[in-house]
Amino acid sequence: WDLLHHFSESPNVAVRLLQHFLQQEVLTFQPLGDRNVHNDNKTASTVSQTATVLCVDDSAQSMEVVKQHCRTSGLKLVVCHDPLKAVTMAVAHQPDLILLDVVMPIINGHELCAQLRRVTTLEDVPIVMLTGQCGLGDRFRSKMVKASGFVTKPLTAQKLRTVVGKHMPQLAHEKPSATFAPNLVPQQA
C-alpha cells in the first residue's frame, strides 16, 4: 500500500518495481498470519493507536487548518487533493474520520460520499461534509448520501475541534500518544 500511495499515478509502476527486485532476489516475501481485528476491551486499553483523518479538499486554506489541528492533536492526517483517488486512499488507510469538501472538480463531495458509503469497510466511518454553501438543500442532500455531519467554511480550529470531538469522542480526553505499528518482519534470534 505504501508503494501504491507513493506512485499514485499508476499501480503498474509499483508492481513493476516489486517485480524487478523479486527477479534480482533483493526482495523476498514472507507469509504473515492474519492480524486480529476484533475490538476487545483488553486489547484496546493496552494498545494505543493514532487515529487517522482523511481530508479530501482542494482548498489550501482549509487544508492548512486541518493540518495544524491534526499536528497539535496527535492525529495522523492523510491528504487527498484529487477526488478521483479518494476512494482508493480511504480503503488503503482506513481512516477514523473523513472530511470531504462538497465543491470539487470532476466529482462533487455528495457523489463521492455516496461512493464511499458503498464500500463495506467504510460504511461506518464518519464523513463530514465541508462547504461554503449552508442552505437547507445542501444539508438535505448531505443527509441523503448518508454524511455524518456538515460544517460550513471557512473552516476554523474551533469548528474542527467540535467535529473531531463529536465524531471521534474517544479522542476528546486523550493526550496524543505513540503510534502503534505491528512488527511486520520477524526479528532474527
Protein backbone atom coordinates (compact mmCIF):
# COMPACT_ATOMS: atom_id res chain seq x y z
CA TRP A 1 0.00 0.00 0.00
CA ASP A 2 2.87 2.37 0.75
CA LEU A 3 4.31 1.86 -2.72
CA LEU A 4 0.91 2.34 -4.33
CA HIS A 5 0.46 5.55 -2.37
CA HIS A 6 3.95 6.78 -3.29
CA PHE A 7 3.49 6.00 -7.00
CA SER A 8 -0.06 7.30 -7.04
CA GLU A 9 -0.14 7.94 -10.78
CA SER A 10 -0.20 4.24 -11.62
CA PRO A 11 -0.26 0.98 -9.66
CA ASN A 12 1.68 -0.57 -12.54
CA VAL A 13 4.80 1.36 -11.51
CA ALA A 14 4.72 -0.18 -8.03
CA VAL A 15 4.11 -3.68 -9.43
CA ARG A 16 7.00 -3.36 -11.91
CA LEU A 17 9.29 -2.10 -9.17
CA LEU A 18 8.44 -5.05 -6.92
CA GLN A 19 8.81 -7.46 -9.83
CA HIS A 20 12.28 -6.10 -10.63
CA PHE A 21 13.52 -6.54 -7.06
CA LEU A 22 12.00 -10.02 -6.83
CA GLN A 23 13.79 -11.09 -10.03
CA GLN A 24 17.07 -9.69 -8.71
CA GLU A 25 16.46 -11.64 -5.47
CA VAL A 26 16.92 -8.43 -3.49
CA LEU A 27 13.42 -8.70 -2.10
CA THR A 28 11.53 -11.68 -0.78
CA PHE A 29 8.03 -12.01 0.60
CA GLN A 30 7.28 -13.70 3.88
CA PRO A 31 3.84 -15.03 4.78
CA LEU A 32 2.24 -13.31 7.72
CA GLY A 33 -0.64 -14.55 9.82
CA ASP A 34 -3.91 -12.68 9.83
CA ARG A 35 -4.00 -9.71 12.15
CA ASN A 36 -6.60 -9.92 14.88
CA VAL A 37 -9.01 -7.06 14.26
CA HIS A 38 -11.56 -7.85 16.96
CA ASN A 39 -12.19 -4.97 19.33
CA ASP A 40 -11.90 -6.47 22.76
CA ASN A 41 -11.56 -4.08 25.69
CA LYS A 42 -8.37 -5.65 26.98
CA THR A 43 -6.51 -5.05 23.71
CA ALA A 44 -7.93 -1.57 23.25
CA SER A 45 -6.74 -0.45 26.67
CA THR A 46 -3.22 -1.83 26.31
CA VAL A 47 -2.51 -0.74 22.74
CA SER A 48 -2.90 2.90 21.82
CA GLN A 49 -3.36 3.71 18.17
CA THR A 50 -3.17 7.04 16.43
CA ALA A 51 -6.47 7.95 14.84
CA THR A 52 -6.39 8.77 11.13
CA VAL A 53 -8.22 11.61 9.41
CA LEU A 54 -8.61 11.62 5.63
CA CYS A 55 -9.20 15.10 4.23
CA VAL A 56 -10.41 15.35 0.63
CA ASP A 57 -10.29 19.04 -0.25
CA ASP A 58 -8.82 21.20 -2.98
CA SER A 59 -8.74 24.33 -0.79
CA ALA A 60 -5.28 25.22 0.53
CA GLN A 61 -6.77 27.39 3.30
CA SER A 62 -8.99 24.60 4.69
CA MET A 63 -6.19 22.07 4.36
CA GLU A 64 -3.85 24.26 6.41
CA VAL A 65 -6.38 24.46 9.28
CA VAL A 66 -6.80 20.66 9.18
CA LYS A 67 -3.02 20.08 9.13
CA GLN A 68 -2.48 22.38 12.10
CA HIS A 69 -5.26 20.74 14.14
CA CYS A 70 -4.05 17.20 13.39
CA ARG A 71 -0.48 18.15 14.27
CA THR A 72 -1.46 19.59 17.66
CA SER A 73 -3.96 16.80 18.42
CA GLY A 74 -1.65 13.92 17.57
CA LEU A 75 -3.84 12.73 14.71
CA LYS A 76 -2.45 11.16 11.56
CA LEU A 77 -3.57 13.16 8.51
CA VAL A 78 -3.95 11.71 5.02
CA VAL A 79 -4.39 14.42 2.39
CA CYS A 80 -6.14 13.90 -0.92
CA HIS A 81 -6.44 16.77 -3.40
CA ASP A 82 -7.81 14.59 -6.21
CA PRO A 83 -11.36 13.36 -5.55
CA LEU A 84 -10.92 10.56 -8.10
CA LYS A 85 -8.28 8.96 -5.86
CA ALA A 86 -10.23 9.41 -2.61
CA VAL A 87 -11.95 6.02 -2.52
CA THR A 88 -8.67 4.18 -3.13
CA MET A 89 -6.91 6.21 -0.44
CA ALA A 90 -9.75 5.67 2.02
CA VAL A 91 -9.64 1.90 1.50
CA ALA A 92 -5.85 1.88 1.82
CA HIS A 93 -5.67 4.00 5.01
CA GLN A 94 -8.95 3.02 6.72
CA PRO A 95 -9.44 6.45 8.34
CA ASP A 96 -11.38 7.05 11.55
CA LEU A 97 -12.87 10.25 10.13
CA ILE A 98 -13.28 11.63 6.59
CA LEU A 99 -13.51 15.36 5.93
CA LEU A 100 -14.98 15.86 2.47
CA ASP A 101 -15.26 19.10 0.51
CA VAL A 102 -18.53 19.47 -1.40
CA VAL A 103 -17.37 21.65 -4.31
CA MET A 104 -14.55 19.91 -6.18
CA PRO A 105 -13.68 19.43 -9.85
CA ILE A 106 -14.85 16.36 -11.79
CA ILE A 107 -16.83 14.77 -8.94
CA ASN A 108 -18.55 16.69 -6.16
CA GLY A 109 -18.49 15.76 -2.50
CA HIS A 110 -22.03 14.40 -2.45
CA GLU A 111 -21.30 11.94 -5.26
CA LEU A 112 -18.03 10.95 -3.60
CA CYS A 113 -19.75 10.45 -0.24
CA ALA A 114 -22.26 8.11 -1.89
CA GLN A 115 -19.37 6.11 -3.41
CA LEU A 116 -17.57 5.89 -0.06
CA ARG A 117 -20.74 4.62 1.62
CA ARG A 118 -20.89 1.74 -0.90
CA VAL A 119 -17.55 0.39 0.38
CA THR A 120 -18.27 -2.13 3.13
CA THR A 121 -15.21 -1.29 5.23
CA LEU A 122 -16.07 2.43 5.15
CA GLU A 123 -19.81 2.34 5.74
CA ASP A 124 -19.49 3.17 9.46
CA VAL A 125 -16.70 5.76 9.14
CA PRO A 126 -17.99 9.27 9.93
CA ILE A 127 -17.97 11.51 6.85
CA VAL A 128 -18.26 15.25 7.48
CA MET A 129 -19.08 17.50 4.54
CA LEU A 130 -17.17 20.81 4.28
CA THR A 131 -18.81 23.56 2.25
CA GLY A 132 -19.25 27.27 1.87
CA GLN A 133 -22.90 26.70 0.94
CA CYS A 134 -25.04 26.32 4.03
CA GLY A 135 -28.54 26.21 2.60
CA LEU A 136 -31.24 23.78 3.66
CA GLY A 137 -30.96 21.98 0.31
CA ASP A 138 -27.24 21.38 0.84
CA ARG A 139 -27.84 19.91 4.29
CA PHE A 140 -30.66 17.73 2.97
CA ARG A 141 -28.51 16.43 0.11
CA SER A 142 -25.71 15.61 2.59
CA LYS A 143 -28.15 13.59 4.69
CA MET A 144 -29.42 11.78 1.58
CA VAL A 145 -25.90 10.48 0.81
CA LYS A 146 -25.53 9.43 4.47
CA ALA A 147 -23.00 12.06 5.54
CA SER A 148 -22.46 12.11 9.30
CA GLY A 149 -22.12 15.86 9.62
CA PHE A 150 -21.96 19.20 7.89
CA VAL A 151 -19.54 22.09 8.57
CA THR A 152 -19.59 25.45 6.83
CA LYS A 153 -16.46 27.11 5.52
CA PRO A 154 -14.34 28.97 6.31
CA LEU A 155 -13.05 26.13 8.45
CA THR A 156 -11.67 27.24 11.84
CA ALA A 157 -9.78 25.40 14.57
CA GLN A 158 -12.85 25.61 16.84
CA LYS A 159 -15.18 24.12 14.20
CA LEU A 160 -12.68 21.33 13.55
CA ARG A 161 -12.24 20.63 17.28
CA THR A 162 -16.03 20.36 17.63
CA VAL A 163 -16.30 17.96 14.67
CA VAL A 164 -13.49 15.72 15.91
CA GLY A 165 -14.94 15.69 19.42
CA LYS A 166 -18.38 14.75 18.13
CA HIS A 167 -17.37 12.04 15.68
CA MET A 168 -14.30 10.71 17.49
CA PRO A 169 -15.30 11.02 21.17
CA GLN A 170 -12.56 8.63 22.31
CA LEU A 171 -10.06 11.41 21.47
CA ALA A 172 -11.80 14.17 23.37
CA HIS A 173 -9.99 13.41 26.65
CA GLU A 174 -6.86 11.66 25.40
CA LYS A 175 -3.43 13.12 25.04
CA PRO A 176 -1.56 12.41 21.79
CA SER A 177 0.03 9.00 22.04
CA ALA A 178 2.68 6.97 20.31
CA THR A 179 1.79 5.33 17.03
CA PHE A 180 1.19 1.59 17.13
CA ALA A 181 2.71 -0.31 14.23
CA PRO A 182 2.67 -4.10 14.17
CA ASN A 183 6.02 -5.79 13.71
CA LEU A 184 5.75 -6.90 10.09
CA VAL A 185 9.15 -8.55 9.74
CA PRO A 186 10.10 -11.32 12.15
CA GLN A 187 13.27 -10.49 14.08
CA GLN A 188 16.14 -12.93 13.88
CA ALA A 189 17.07 -14.63 17.16
